[in-house]
Amino acid sequence: MKRLKKEDYIFYQGDKFQVEFYFTETGEMPAKKYLEKESLGVKVKLAALVKYIADHGRLFNKTKFRKVDSKENIFEFKPTNYRFFSFFYEGKKIIITNAYRKKSQKVSEKDLEKARNMKITYTGRVKEGDYYEKN
């Protein structure tokens, strides 16, 4: 089990939410790794969306942020034609799980299923006290 420091996984700390990258038990961060490979334009646009929702609490523009799974409450940030799945968690957190490049009108079920599984894993690890570093 690899524990990460806050500066490794926190994307942005806003007035309303703290936005984090999900990390696996081995310390891998799929969404962060994906983002690091993308162009500066994608990085800037995602950062702007994240900053806005973290500072203001809501983003009503469905072309930029929307719920894609009502049952599991999975959302997606939509900078250009890239999708970054996320979910809200208690303690005013938004966890960004994974990402993909959208090539059709439909949401990638494979990538959405990964996001669902990461949410389940995250929730379990947090409840067991096995996710965040101890102070």
Protein backbone atom coordinates (compact mmCIF):
# COMPACT_ATOMS: atom_id res chain seq x y z
CA MET A 1 0.00 0.00 0.00
CA LYS A 2 1.51 3.27 -1.12
CA ARG A 3 0.36 6.44 0.61
CA LEU A 4 0.70 9.70 -1.24
CA LYS A 5 1.24 13.19 0.07
CA LYS A 6 -1.55 15.74 -0.41
CA GLU A 7 0.46 17.72 -2.91
CA ASP A 8 0.64 14.62 -5.13
CA TYR A 9 -3.11 14.09 -5.55
CA ILE A 10 -4.81 17.44 -4.84
CA PHE A 11 -5.57 19.14 -8.15
CA TYR A 12 -7.14 22.30 -6.71
CA GLN A 13 -8.38 23.56 -3.35
CA GLY A 14 -11.32 25.90 -3.82
CA ASP A 15 -13.65 27.76 -1.48
CA LYS A 16 -16.42 25.16 -1.94
CA PHE A 17 -14.63 21.92 -2.91
CA GLN A 18 -11.26 20.23 -2.85
CA VAL A 19 -10.66 18.50 -6.19
CA GLU A 20 -8.43 15.44 -6.10
CA PHE A 21 -7.12 12.80 -8.46
CA TYR A 22 -8.11 9.25 -7.48
CA PHE A 23 -5.10 7.07 -6.70
CA THR A 24 -4.80 3.29 -6.60
CA GLU A 25 -3.27 1.21 -3.82
CA THR A 26 0.03 1.34 -5.71
CA GLY A 27 -0.12 5.14 -6.01
CA GLU A 28 -1.11 5.33 -9.66
CA MET A 29 -3.38 8.20 -10.68
CA PRO A 30 -5.08 7.26 -13.98
CA ALA A 31 -6.67 10.67 -14.66
CA LYS A 32 -3.55 12.63 -13.74
CA LYS A 33 -1.39 10.35 -15.88
CA TYR A 34 -3.81 10.82 -18.79
CA LEU A 35 -3.84 14.60 -18.35
CA GLU A 36 -0.05 14.83 -18.24
CA LYS A 37 0.12 13.36 -21.77
CA GLU A 38 -2.34 15.86 -23.24
CA SER A 39 -1.74 19.27 -24.78
CA LEU A 40 -1.42 22.47 -22.80
CA GLY A 41 -4.81 23.55 -24.16
CA VAL A 42 -6.59 20.54 -22.63
CA LYS A 43 -4.76 21.07 -19.32
CA VAL A 44 -5.72 24.76 -19.19
CA LYS A 45 -9.37 24.10 -20.05
CA LEU A 46 -9.73 21.32 -17.47
CA ALA A 47 -8.01 23.46 -14.84
CA ALA A 48 -10.43 26.33 -15.57
CA LEU A 49 -13.48 24.04 -15.20
CA VAL A 50 -12.13 22.50 -11.99
CA LYS A 51 -11.28 25.91 -10.53
CA TYR A 52 -14.73 27.27 -11.34
CA ILE A 53 -16.68 24.43 -9.72
CA ALA A 54 -14.31 24.27 -6.74
CA ASP A 55 -14.64 28.00 -6.09
CA HIS A 56 -18.34 28.49 -6.92
CA GLY A 57 -19.83 25.12 -6.01
CA ARG A 58 -21.77 24.61 -9.24
CA LEU A 59 -21.29 24.60 -12.95
CA PHE A 60 -24.59 24.78 -14.80
CA ASN A 61 -23.16 24.58 -18.32
CA LYS A 62 -23.91 20.97 -19.35
CA THR A 63 -21.59 21.29 -22.31
CA LYS A 64 -18.73 21.55 -19.78
CA PHE A 65 -19.89 19.42 -16.80
CA ARG A 66 -22.76 16.99 -16.45
CA LYS A 67 -24.03 13.89 -14.69
CA VAL A 68 -23.55 10.75 -16.81
CA ASP A 69 -24.71 8.10 -14.32
CA SER A 70 -27.70 8.98 -12.14
CA LYS A 71 -27.60 5.76 -10.14
CA GLU A 72 -23.93 6.03 -9.11
CA ASN A 73 -23.74 9.85 -9.34
CA ILE A 74 -20.83 9.92 -11.76
CA PHE A 75 -20.14 13.22 -13.51
CA GLU A 76 -17.85 14.25 -16.33
CA PHE A 77 -15.74 17.34 -16.89
CA LYS A 78 -15.77 18.14 -20.60
CA PRO A 79 -12.81 20.22 -21.77
CA THR A 80 -12.96 19.98 -25.57
CA ASN A 81 -13.53 16.39 -26.73
CA TYR A 82 -11.94 14.82 -23.64
CA ARG A 83 -13.93 13.45 -20.72
CA PHE A 84 -12.73 13.28 -17.12
CA PHE A 85 -15.04 11.24 -14.89
CA SER A 86 -15.56 12.32 -11.31
CA PHE A 87 -17.80 12.01 -8.28
CA PHE A 88 -18.59 14.06 -5.20
CA TYR A 89 -17.67 12.73 -1.78
CA GLU A 90 -18.46 13.81 1.77
CA GLY A 91 -16.23 16.49 3.19
CA LYS A 92 -16.70 18.67 0.10
CA LYS A 93 -14.49 16.63 -2.19
CA ILE A 94 -14.60 15.96 -5.91
CA ILE A 95 -12.59 12.94 -6.99
CA ILE A 96 -11.45 12.73 -10.63
CA THR A 97 -11.08 9.06 -11.51
CA ASN A 98 -10.19 8.47 -15.14
CA ALA A 99 -10.39 9.99 -18.60
CA TYR A 100 -10.78 9.25 -22.28
CA ARG A 101 -11.01 11.01 -25.61
CA LYS A 102 -14.59 11.07 -26.85
CA LYS A 103 -14.91 9.73 -30.39
CA SER A 104 -18.68 9.28 -30.69
CA GLN A 105 -21.94 10.71 -29.35
CA LYS A 106 -22.19 8.07 -26.62
CA VAL A 107 -20.35 7.92 -23.32
CA SER A 108 -17.71 5.17 -23.29
CA GLU A 109 -19.34 2.41 -21.21
CA LYS A 110 -15.96 0.78 -20.63
CA ASP A 111 -14.50 3.97 -19.16
CA LEU A 112 -17.68 4.75 -17.23
CA GLU A 113 -17.52 1.28 -15.66
CA LYS A 114 -13.92 1.99 -14.61
CA ALA A 115 -15.12 5.20 -12.92
CA ARG A 116 -17.87 3.30 -11.08
CA ASN A 117 -15.37 0.71 -9.86
CA MET A 118 -12.93 3.39 -8.74
CA LYS A 119 -15.69 5.11 -6.77
CA ILE A 120 -16.55 1.83 -5.02
CA THR A 121 -12.87 1.18 -4.26
CA TYR A 122 -12.31 4.74 -3.04
CA THR A 123 -15.34 4.66 -0.74
CA GLY A 124 -14.27 1.34 0.75
CA ARG A 125 -10.67 2.40 1.29
CA VAL A 126 -11.72 5.70 2.91
CA LYS A 127 -14.14 3.94 5.27
CA GLU A 128 -11.43 1.43 6.23
CA GLY A 129 -9.02 4.31 6.91
CA ASP A 130 -6.74 2.97 4.21
CA TYR A 131 -6.74 5.79 1.66
CA TYR A 132 -5.42 9.05 3.09
CA GLU A 133 -2.21 9.50 5.03
CA LYS A 134 -2.58 9.70 8.77
CA ASN A 135 -1.75 13.05 10.35
